[in-house]
N, C-alpha and C. Protein backbone atom coordinates (compact mmCIF):
# COMPACT_ATOMS: atom_id res chain seq x y z
N MET A 1 80.02 94.69 106.14
CA MET A 1 79.93 96.18 106.32
C MET A 1 78.64 96.65 105.57
N ASP A 2 78.32 97.62 105.48
CA ASP A 2 77.28 98.39 104.54
C ASP A 2 77.31 99.57 104.45
N ASN A 3 77.48 100.67 105.33
CA ASN A 3 77.78 101.87 105.80
C ASN A 3 78.86 102.42 105.17
N TRP A 4 79.59 101.79 103.39
CA TRP A 4 80.54 102.34 102.71
C TRP A 4 80.54 103.88 102.57
N ARG A 5 81.66 104.87 102.48
CA ARG A 5 81.45 106.51 102.41
C ARG A 5 82.27 106.66 101.48
N LYS A 6 82.21 107.82 100.74
CA LYS A 6 83.75 108.33 100.31
C LYS A 6 84.40 109.80 100.60
N SER A 7 84.63 109.43 100.50
CA SER A 7 85.72 111.43 100.89
C SER A 7 84.91 112.19 100.51
N SER A 8 85.07 113.57 100.67
CA SER A 8 84.19 115.04 100.08
C SER A 8 84.96 115.35 99.18
N TYR A 9 86.09 114.64 99.14
CA TYR A 9 87.43 115.34 98.51
C TYR A 9 87.94 114.82 97.18
N SER A 10 86.60 114.05 97.17
CA SER A 10 86.53 112.67 96.08
C SER A 10 85.97 113.19 95.19
N GLY A 11 85.69 114.62 94.07
CA GLY A 11 85.04 114.62 93.19
C GLY A 11 84.94 114.96 92.03
N GLU A 12 83.90 115.04 90.87
CA GLU A 12 84.50 114.72 89.44
C GLU A 12 85.35 115.70 88.81
N GLY A 13 86.29 117.02 89.21
CA GLY A 13 87.54 116.68 89.66
C GLY A 13 88.82 115.90 88.99
N ASP A 14 88.13 115.42 90.53
CA ASP A 14 89.66 114.35 90.80
C ASP A 14 89.29 113.23 89.98
N GLY A 15 88.29 112.70 88.67
CA GLY A 15 87.78 111.60 88.28
C GLY A 15 87.12 110.70 89.57
N ASN A 16 86.68 110.97 90.33
CA ASN A 16 86.24 109.58 91.62
C ASN A 16 87.44 108.82 92.12
N GLU A 17 88.06 108.93 91.63
CA GLU A 17 89.26 107.88 92.42
C GLU A 17 89.93 108.35 93.65
N CYS A 18 89.27 107.66 93.97
CA CYS A 18 89.18 107.59 96.43
C CYS A 18 88.97 105.94 96.28
N VAL A 19 89.25 106.56 97.50
CA VAL A 19 89.04 104.99 98.73
C VAL A 19 87.75 105.25 99.36
N GLU A 20 87.30 104.04 99.56
CA GLU A 20 86.13 104.25 100.41
C GLU A 20 85.79 103.70 101.78
N ILE A 21 85.66 104.02 103.05
CA ILE A 21 86.07 103.55 103.82
C ILE A 21 84.05 103.19 104.93
N ALA A 22 84.52 101.89 105.44
CA ALA A 22 83.43 101.63 106.54
C ALA A 22 83.75 100.84 107.91
N THR A 23 83.16 101.45 109.14
CA THR A 23 83.10 101.70 110.10
C THR A 23 82.40 100.24 110.86
N SER A 24 82.99 99.42 111.38
CA SER A 24 82.45 98.31 112.43
C SER A 24 81.10 99.19 113.11
N LEU A 25 80.09 97.99 113.63
CA LEU A 25 79.67 99.13 113.84
C LEU A 25 79.60 99.23 115.30
N THR A 26 80.57 98.93 116.56
CA THR A 26 80.86 98.86 117.87
C THR A 26 82.39 99.94 117.76
N HIS A 27 82.60 99.95 116.14
CA HIS A 27 83.96 100.91 115.61
C HIS A 27 85.40 100.59 116.08
N THR A 28 85.44 98.68 116.19
CA THR A 28 86.69 98.50 116.51
C THR A 28 87.15 97.97 115.49
N TYR A 29 86.86 98.10 113.92
CA TYR A 29 87.84 98.02 112.99
C TYR A 29 87.14 98.66 111.66
N VAL A 30 88.05 99.28 111.22
CA VAL A 30 88.08 100.28 109.31
C VAL A 30 87.63 99.43 108.12
N SER A 31 87.01 99.58 107.47
CA SER A 31 88.09 99.20 106.31
C SER A 31 87.77 99.73 104.95
N VAL A 32 88.75 99.22 104.32
CA VAL A 32 88.94 100.37 102.87
C VAL A 32 89.30 99.52 101.52
N ARG A 33 88.29 100.29 100.74
CA ARG A 33 88.40 100.06 99.65
C ARG A 33 88.35 100.21 98.08
N ASP A 34 89.13 99.99 97.32
CA ASP A 34 88.81 101.22 96.13
C ASP A 34 87.76 100.67 95.50
N SER A 35 87.01 102.58 95.57
CA SER A 35 86.47 102.90 94.68
C SER A 35 85.77 102.27 93.50
N LYS A 36 86.61 102.22 92.90
CA LYS A 36 86.84 102.17 91.29
C LYS A 36 86.35 100.77 90.79
N ALA A 37 87.14 99.52 92.34
CA ALA A 37 86.82 98.46 92.19
C ALA A 37 86.17 97.43 93.21
N PRO A 38 85.42 98.13 93.85
CA PRO A 38 84.83 97.25 95.11
C PRO A 38 84.74 96.05 95.38
N ALA A 39 84.39 95.55 94.44
CA ALA A 39 83.79 93.76 95.06
C ALA A 39 85.60 93.34 94.92
N LEU A 40 86.81 94.37 94.13
CA LEU A 40 87.72 93.33 94.66
C LEU A 40 88.21 92.78 95.88
N ALA A 41 88.62 94.03 96.46
CA ALA A 41 88.77 93.10 97.84
C ALA A 41 89.03 94.07 98.49
N VAL A 42 88.97 94.25 100.12
CA VAL A 42 88.83 94.91 101.01
C VAL A 42 89.83 94.96 102.37
N LEU A 43 90.46 95.90 103.13
CA LEU A 43 91.60 96.12 104.13
C LEU A 43 90.61 96.32 104.50
N THR A 44 91.14 95.35 106.72
CA THR A 44 90.32 95.79 107.39
C THR A 44 91.75 95.92 108.03
N PHE A 45 91.68 97.87 108.77
CA PHE A 45 92.46 97.29 110.60
C PHE A 45 92.12 97.98 111.78
N PRO A 46 92.46 97.37 112.82
CA PRO A 46 92.05 98.20 113.76
C PRO A 46 91.64 99.37 114.16
N GLY A 47 90.79 99.73 114.40
CA GLY A 47 90.23 100.90 114.02
C GLY A 47 91.19 102.38 114.62
N GLY A 48 91.82 101.80 116.01
CA GLY A 48 93.32 102.77 116.62
C GLY A 48 93.76 102.97 115.41
N ALA A 49 94.99 101.98 114.59
CA ALA A 49 95.39 102.10 114.31
C ALA A 49 95.22 102.73 112.81
N PHE A 50 93.82 102.43 112.24
CA PHE A 50 93.77 103.25 110.92
C PHE A 50 93.45 105.10 111.22
N HIS A 51 92.71 105.20 113.09
CA HIS A 51 92.99 106.58 113.37
C HIS A 51 94.32 107.13 112.99
N ALA A 52 95.67 106.32 113.69
CA ALA A 52 96.97 106.78 113.61
C ALA A 52 97.35 107.07 112.32
N PHE A 53 97.12 106.54 111.94
CA PHE A 53 97.55 106.35 110.00
C PHE A 53 97.19 107.73 109.54
N VAL A 54 95.63 107.97 109.04
CA VAL A 54 95.42 109.00 109.18
C VAL A 54 95.51 110.45 110.08
N GLU A 55 95.79 110.20 111.01
CA GLU A 55 96.32 111.59 112.03
C GLU A 55 97.82 111.53 111.21
N THR A 56 98.10 111.27 110.75
CA THR A 56 99.46 111.09 110.61
C THR A 56 99.92 111.49 109.33
N LEU A 57 99.32 111.13 108.27
CA LEU A 57 99.42 111.74 106.97
C LEU A 57 98.51 113.18 107.06
N LYS A 58 97.94 113.62 108.40
CA LYS A 58 97.39 115.22 108.59
C LYS A 58 98.91 115.55 108.46
N THR A 59 99.92 115.22 109.40
CA THR A 59 101.18 116.11 109.79
C THR A 59 101.99 116.58 108.51
N ASP A 60 102.56 117.83 108.41
CA ASP A 60 103.76 118.42 107.88
C ASP A 60 104.75 116.70 107.32
N ALA A 61 105.21 116.08 108.84
CA ALA A 61 106.30 115.04 108.04
C ALA A 61 105.25 113.70 106.89
N GLY A 62 104.25 113.89 107.67
CA GLY A 62 103.58 112.82 106.83
C GLY A 62 103.18 112.75 105.49
N ARG A 63 102.75 113.84 104.96
CA ARG A 63 102.67 114.23 104.03
C ARG A 63 103.99 114.16 102.89
N LEU A 64 105.12 114.90 103.61
CA LEU A 64 106.67 114.57 103.49
C LEU A 64 107.08 113.25 102.52
N HIS A 65 106.91 112.24 103.39
CA HIS A 65 107.30 111.17 103.50
C HIS A 65 106.63 110.83 102.51
N ALA A 66 105.20 110.33 102.71
CA ALA A 66 104.07 110.16 101.45
C ALA A 66 105.08 110.57 100.05
N ALA A 67 104.89 111.27 100.08
CA ALA A 67 105.37 112.09 98.20
C ALA A 67 106.35 111.52 98.35
N THR A 68 107.89 110.12 98.48
CA THR A 68 108.85 110.11 98.58
C THR A 68 108.90 108.92 98.37
């Protein structure tokens, strides 16, 4: 995949410590990599599972669970 993009929330003040994501041409899969070390490892998930994960993080319950 060559369409990597970084969150708009990852700016100068955040030290550019973020993950990058890329989607397959058919949006069937989403890949994730560390923006500080993009050549080291890539995790690939089914698109539906990644979408559900992100939506859960957007909820209060997801944020509380991730903080513990």
